[in-house]
PDB file of all heavy atoms in Angstrom:
ATOM      1  N   PRO A   1      10.175   0.060  -0.268  1.00  0.00           N
ATOM      2  CA  PRO A   1      10.510   0.165  -1.661  1.00  0.00           C
ATOM      3  C   PRO A   1       9.287   0.112  -2.590  1.00  0.00           C
ATOM      4  O   PRO A   1       9.187   0.863  -3.568  1.00  0.00           O
ATOM      5  CB  PRO A   1      11.402  -1.040  -1.901  1.00  0.00           C
ATOM      6  CG  PRO A   1      12.049  -1.283  -0.572  1.00  0.00           C
ATOM      7  CD  PRO A   1      10.910  -1.043   0.379  1.00  0.00           C
ATOM      8  N   ALA A   2       8.307  -0.747  -2.221  1.00  0.00           N
ATOM      9  CA  ALA A   2       7.076  -0.872  -3.116  1.00  0.00           C
ATOM     10  C   ALA A   2       6.240   0.415  -2.959  1.00  0.00           C
ATOM     11  O   ALA A   2       5.725   0.907  -3.972  1.00  0.00           O
ATOM     12  CB  ALA A   2       6.323  -2.086  -2.624  1.00  0.00           C
ATOM     13  N   VAL A   3       6.102   0.906  -1.741  1.00  0.00           N
ATOM     14  CA  VAL A   3       5.342   2.146  -1.522  1.00  0.00           C
ATOM     15  C   VAL A   3       5.975   3.231  -2.350  1.00  0.00           C
ATOM     16  O   VAL A   3       5.248   4.078  -3.008  1.00  0.00           O
ATOM     17  CB  VAL A   3       5.261   2.479  -0.032  1.00  0.00           C
ATOM     18  CG1 VAL A   3       4.612   3.896   0.173  1.00  0.00           C
ATOM     19  CG2 VAL A   3       4.453   1.388   0.751  1.00  0.00           C
ATOM     20  N   ALA A   4       7.300   3.309  -2.301  1.00  0.00           N
ATOM     21  CA  ALA A   4       8.001   4.412  -3.011  1.00  0.00           C
ATOM     22  C   ALA A   4       7.765   4.277  -4.578  1.00  0.00           C
ATOM     23  O   ALA A   4       7.568   5.261  -5.229  1.00  0.00           O
ATOM     24  CB  ALA A   4       9.499   4.407  -2.722  1.00  0.00           C
ATOM     25  N   LEU A   5       7.799   3.034  -5.056  1.00  0.00           N
ATOM     26  CA  LEU A   5       7.573   2.737  -6.466  1.00  0.00           C
ATOM     27  C   LEU A   5       6.200   3.212  -6.842  1.00  0.00           C
ATOM     28  O   LEU A   5       5.990   3.976  -7.893  1.00  0.00           O
ATOM     29  CB  LEU A   5       7.729   1.300  -6.745  1.00  0.00           C
ATOM     30  CG  LEU A   5       7.272   0.837  -8.144  1.00  0.00           C
ATOM     31  CD1 LEU A   5       8.207   1.426  -9.228  1.00  0.00           C
ATOM     32  CD2 LEU A   5       7.347  -0.703  -8.225  1.00  0.00           C
ATOM     33  N   TYR A   6       5.193   2.926  -6.048  1.00  0.00           N
ATOM     34  CA  TYR A   6       3.815   3.293  -6.389  1.00  0.00           C
ATOM     35  C   TYR A   6       3.658   4.802  -6.311  1.00  0.00           C
ATOM     36  O   TYR A   6       2.952   5.411  -7.105  1.00  0.00           O
ATOM     37  CB  TYR A   6       2.848   2.550  -5.479  1.00  0.00           C
ATOM     38  CG  TYR A   6       2.908   1.058  -5.626  1.00  0.00           C
ATOM     39  CD1 TYR A   6       2.774   0.269  -4.441  1.00  0.00           C
ATOM     40  CD2 TYR A   6       3.067   0.464  -6.836  1.00  0.00           C
ATOM     41  CE1 TYR A   6       2.880  -1.141  -4.535  1.00  0.00           C
ATOM     42  CE2 TYR A   6       3.175  -0.920  -6.927  1.00  0.00           C
ATOM     43  CZ  TYR A   6       3.065  -1.703  -5.806  1.00  0.00           C
ATOM     44  OH  TYR A   6       3.170  -3.053  -5.871  1.00  0.00           O
ATOM     45  N   GLU A   7       4.243   5.387  -5.340  1.00  0.00           N
ATOM     46  CA  GLU A   7       4.134   6.860  -5.187  1.00  0.00           C
ATOM     47  C   GLU A   7       4.786   7.575  -6.418  1.00  0.00           C
ATOM     48  O   GLU A   7       4.270   8.585  -6.852  1.00  0.00           O
ATOM     49  CB  GLU A   7       4.844   7.299  -3.895  1.00  0.00           C
ATOM     50  CG  GLU A   7       4.007   6.961  -2.614  1.00  0.00           C
ATOM     51  CD  GLU A   7       4.710   7.413  -1.351  1.00  0.00           C
ATOM     52  OE1 GLU A   7       5.946   7.618  -1.347  1.00  0.00           O
ATOM     53  OE2 GLU A   7       4.030   7.509  -0.345  1.00  0.00           O
ATOM     54  N   SER A   8       5.934   7.009  -6.857  1.00  0.00           N
ATOM     55  CA  SER A   8       6.580   7.568  -8.050  1.00  0.00           C
ATOM     56  C   SER A   8       5.728   7.533  -9.273  1.00  0.00           C
ATOM     57  O   SER A   8       5.858   8.253 -10.248  1.00  0.00           O
ATOM     58  CB  SER A   8       7.895   6.926  -8.332  1.00  0.00           C
ATOM     59  OG  SER A   8       7.735   5.587  -8.790  1.00  0.00           O
ATOM     60  N   ALA A   9       4.738   6.575  -9.282  1.00  0.00           N
ATOM     61  CA  ALA A   9       3.778   6.384 -10.389  1.00  0.00           C
ATOM     62  C   ALA A   9       2.520   7.216 -10.212  1.00  0.00           C
ATOM     63  O   ALA A   9       1.542   7.068 -10.971  1.00  0.00           O
ATOM     64  CB  ALA A   9       3.453   4.950 -10.612  1.00  0.00           C
ATOM     65  N   GLY A  10       2.491   8.044  -9.127  1.00  0.00           N
ATOM     66  CA  GLY A  10       1.300   8.915  -8.934  1.00  0.00           C
ATOM     67  C   GLY A  10       0.286   8.349  -8.017  1.00  0.00           C
ATOM     68  O   GLY A  10      -0.762   8.946  -7.802  1.00  0.00           O
ATOM     69  N   MET A  11       0.585   7.169  -7.362  1.00  0.00           N
ATOM     70  CA  MET A  11      -0.362   6.602  -6.438  1.00  0.00           C
ATOM     71  C   MET A  11      -0.228   7.303  -5.069  1.00  0.00           C
ATOM     72  O   MET A  11       0.811   7.705  -4.641  1.00  0.00           O
ATOM     73  CB  MET A  11      -0.101   5.099  -6.246  1.00  0.00           C
ATOM     74  CG  MET A  11      -0.039   4.344  -7.578  1.00  0.00           C
ATOM     75  SD  MET A  11      -1.611   4.316  -8.459  1.00  0.00           S
ATOM     76  CE  MET A  11      -2.554   3.222  -7.432  1.00  0.00           C
ATOM     77  N   ARG A  12      -1.330   7.326  -4.323  1.00  0.00           N
ATOM     78  CA  ARG A  12      -1.328   7.919  -2.943  1.00  0.00           C
ATOM     79  C   ARG A  12      -2.149   7.062  -2.002  1.00  0.00           C
ATOM     80  O   ARG A  12      -3.119   6.437  -2.398  1.00  0.00           O
ATOM     81  CB  ARG A  12      -1.829   9.363  -2.995  1.00  0.00           C
ATOM     82  CG  ARG A  12      -3.257   9.518  -3.473  1.00  0.00           C
ATOM     83  CD  ARG A  12      -3.593  10.994  -3.534  1.00  0.00           C
ATOM     84  NE  ARG A  12      -4.939  11.221  -4.094  1.00  0.00           N
ATOM     85  CZ  ARG A  12      -5.985  11.141  -3.380  1.00  0.00           C
ATOM     86  NH1 ARG A  12      -5.938  10.953  -2.055  1.00  0.00           N
ATOM     87  NH2 ARG A  12      -7.202  11.386  -3.910  1.00  0.00           N
ATOM     88  N   ALA A  13      -1.762   7.088  -0.730  1.00  0.00           N
ATOM     89  CA  ALA A  13      -2.481   6.294   0.284  1.00  0.00           C
ATOM     90  C   ALA A  13      -3.778   6.913   0.581  1.00  0.00           C
ATOM     91  O   ALA A  13      -3.920   8.135   0.694  1.00  0.00           O
ATOM     92  CB  ALA A  13      -1.652   6.204   1.514  1.00  0.00           C
ATOM     93  N   VAL A  14      -4.863   6.070   0.614  1.00  0.00           N
ATOM     94  CA  VAL A  14      -6.187   6.643   0.833  1.00  0.00           C
ATOM     95  C   VAL A  14      -6.899   5.911   2.061  1.00  0.00           C
ATOM     96  O   VAL A  14      -7.986   6.273   2.434  1.00  0.00           O
ATOM     97  CB  VAL A  14      -7.087   6.489  -0.403  1.00  0.00           C
ATOM     98  CG1 VAL A  14      -6.635   7.369  -1.474  1.00  0.00           C
ATOM     99  CG2 VAL A  14      -7.216   5.080  -0.878  1.00  0.00           C
ATOM    100  N   GLY A  15      -6.225   4.928   2.626  1.00  0.00           N
ATOM    101  CA  GLY A  15      -6.845   4.205   3.750  1.00  0.00           C
ATOM    102  C   GLY A  15      -6.116   2.931   4.088  1.00  0.00           C
ATOM    103  O   GLY A  15      -5.014   2.635   3.525  1.00  0.00           O
ATOM    104  N   VAL A  16      -6.670   2.183   4.995  1.00  0.00           N
ATOM    105  CA  VAL A  16      -6.103   0.917   5.472  1.00  0.00           C
ATOM    106  C   VAL A  16      -7.112  -0.143   5.415  1.00  0.00           C
ATOM    107  O   VAL A  16      -8.320   0.070   5.766  1.00  0.00           O
ATOM    108  CB  VAL A  16      -5.548   1.086   6.901  1.00  0.00           C
ATOM    109  CG1 VAL A  16      -5.151  -0.301   7.483  1.00  0.00           C
ATOM    110  CG2 VAL A  16      -4.401   2.076   6.967  1.00  0.00           C
ATOM    111  N   ARG A  17      -6.762  -1.369   4.969  1.00  0.00           N
ATOM    112  CA  ARG A  17      -7.662  -2.474   4.987  1.00  0.00           C
ATOM    113  C   ARG A  17      -7.169  -3.432   6.124  1.00  0.00           C
ATOM    114  O   ARG A  17      -6.211  -4.165   5.980  1.00  0.00           O
ATOM    115  CB  ARG A  17      -7.577  -3.206   3.652  1.00  0.00           C
ATOM    116  CG  ARG A  17      -8.621  -4.276   3.450  1.00  0.00           C
ATOM    117  CD  ARG A  17      -8.932  -4.535   2.002  1.00  0.00           C
ATOM    118  NE  ARG A  17      -9.589  -3.368   1.393  1.00  0.00           N
ATOM    119  CZ  ARG A  17      -9.667  -3.171   0.093  1.00  0.00           C
ATOM    120  NH1 ARG A  17      -9.094  -3.984  -0.769  1.00  0.00           N
ATOM    121  NH2 ARG A  17     -10.261  -2.064  -0.397  1.00  0.00           N
ATOM    122  N   PRO A  18      -7.911  -3.482   7.281  1.00  0.00           N
ATOM    123  CA  PRO A  18      -7.460  -4.266   8.411  1.00  0.00           C
ATOM    124  C   PRO A  18      -7.412  -5.741   8.159  1.00  0.00           C
ATOM    125  O   PRO A  18      -8.235  -6.341   7.495  1.00  0.00           O
ATOM    126  CB  PRO A  18      -8.582  -3.958   9.484  1.00  0.00           C
ATOM    127  CG  PRO A  18      -9.212  -2.659   8.993  1.00  0.00           C
ATOM    128  CD  PRO A  18      -9.132  -2.702   7.530  1.00  0.00           C
ATOM    129  N   GLY A  19      -6.314  -6.390   8.578  1.00  0.00           N
ATOM    130  CA  GLY A  19      -6.161  -7.826   8.552  1.00  0.00           C
ATOM    131  C   GLY A  19      -6.108  -8.382   7.132  1.00  0.00           C
ATOM    132  O   GLY A  19      -6.502  -9.566   6.919  1.00  0.00           O
ATOM    133  N   TYR A  20      -5.717  -7.583   6.162  1.00  0.00           N
ATOM    134  CA  TYR A  20      -5.787  -7.968   4.738  1.00  0.00           C
ATOM    135  C   TYR A  20      -4.957  -9.241   4.527  1.00  0.00           C
ATOM    136  O   TYR A  20      -5.283 -10.096   3.761  1.00  0.00           O
ATOM    137  CB  TYR A  20      -5.395  -6.828   3.868  1.00  0.00           C
ATOM    138  CG  TYR A  20      -5.424  -7.127   2.387  1.00  0.00           C
ATOM    139  CD1 TYR A  20      -6.602  -7.148   1.674  1.00  0.00           C
ATOM    140  CD2 TYR A  20      -4.213  -7.402   1.681  1.00  0.00           C
ATOM    141  CE1 TYR A  20      -6.577  -7.445   0.262  1.00  0.00           C
ATOM    142  CE2 TYR A  20      -4.211  -7.724   0.317  1.00  0.00           C
ATOM    143  CZ  TYR A  20      -5.438  -7.702  -0.345  1.00  0.00           C
ATOM    144  OH  TYR A  20      -5.405  -7.993  -1.738  1.00  0.00           O
ATOM    145  N   TYR A  21      -3.701  -9.206   5.097  1.00  0.00           N
ATOM    146  CA  TYR A  21      -2.775 -10.318   4.850  1.00  0.00           C
ATOM    147  C   TYR A  21      -3.059 -11.467   5.847  1.00  0.00           C
ATOM    148  O   TYR A  21      -2.581 -11.386   6.967  1.00  0.00           O
ATOM    149  CB  TYR A  21      -1.340  -9.848   4.902  1.00  0.00           C
ATOM    150  CG  TYR A  21      -0.979  -8.830   3.792  1.00  0.00           C
ATOM    151  CD1 TYR A  21      -0.993  -7.425   4.116  1.00  0.00           C
ATOM    152  CD2 TYR A  21      -0.827  -9.276   2.500  1.00  0.00           C
ATOM    153  CE1 TYR A  21      -0.733  -6.521   3.063  1.00  0.00           C
ATOM    154  CE2 TYR A  21      -0.560  -8.339   1.484  1.00  0.00           C
ATOM    155  CZ  TYR A  21      -0.498  -6.964   1.787  1.00  0.00           C
ATOM    156  OH  TYR A  21      -0.231  -6.059   0.844  1.00  0.00           O
ATOM    157  N   ALA A  22      -3.817 -12.441   5.404  1.00  0.00           N
ATOM    158  CA  ALA A  22      -4.325 -13.469   6.321  1.00  0.00           C
ATOM    159  C   ALA A  22      -3.170 -14.254   6.919  1.00  0.00           C
ATOM    160  O   ALA A  22      -3.233 -14.670   8.122  1.00  0.00           O
ATOM    161  CB  ALA A  22      -5.234 -14.446   5.530  1.00  0.00           C
ATOM    162  N   GLU A  23      -2.061 -14.443   6.176  1.00  0.00           N
ATOM    163  CA  GLU A  23      -0.960 -15.268   6.765  1.00  0.00           C
ATOM    164  C   GLU A  23      -0.257 -14.626   7.914  1.00  0.00           C
ATOM    165  O   GLU A  23       0.283 -15.339   8.762  1.00  0.00           O
ATOM    166  CB  GLU A  23       0.016 -15.637   5.630  1.00  0.00           C
ATOM    167  CG  GLU A  23       0.782 -14.449   5.095  1.00  0.00           C
ATOM    168  CD  GLU A  23       0.016 -13.656   3.986  1.00  0.00           C
ATOM    169  OE1 GLU A  23      -1.186 -13.957   3.809  1.00  0.00           O
ATOM    170  OE2 GLU A  23       0.690 -12.794   3.396  1.00  0.00           O
ATOM    171  N   THR A  24      -0.353 -13.319   8.011  1.00  0.00           N
ATOM    172  CA  THR A  24       0.325 -12.598   9.143  1.00  0.00           C
ATOM    173  C   THR A  24      -0.599 -11.777   9.941  1.00  0.00           C
ATOM    174  O   THR A  24      -0.223 -11.283  11.058  1.00  0.00           O
ATOM    175  CB  THR A  24       1.467 -11.665   8.603  1.00  0.00           C
ATOM    176  OG1 THR A  24       0.880 -10.667   7.786  1.00  0.00           O
ATOM    177  CG2 THR A  24       2.471 -12.519   7.802  1.00  0.00           C
TER     178      THR A  24
END
C-alpha cells in the first residue's frame, strides 16, 4: 500500500539499500 501511494505521487524505485531496517 505504501509503495502504491508513493507511485501515485510520481515516485519510482531507483535502487535498494541493504539491511536498512536494523530491527529486522
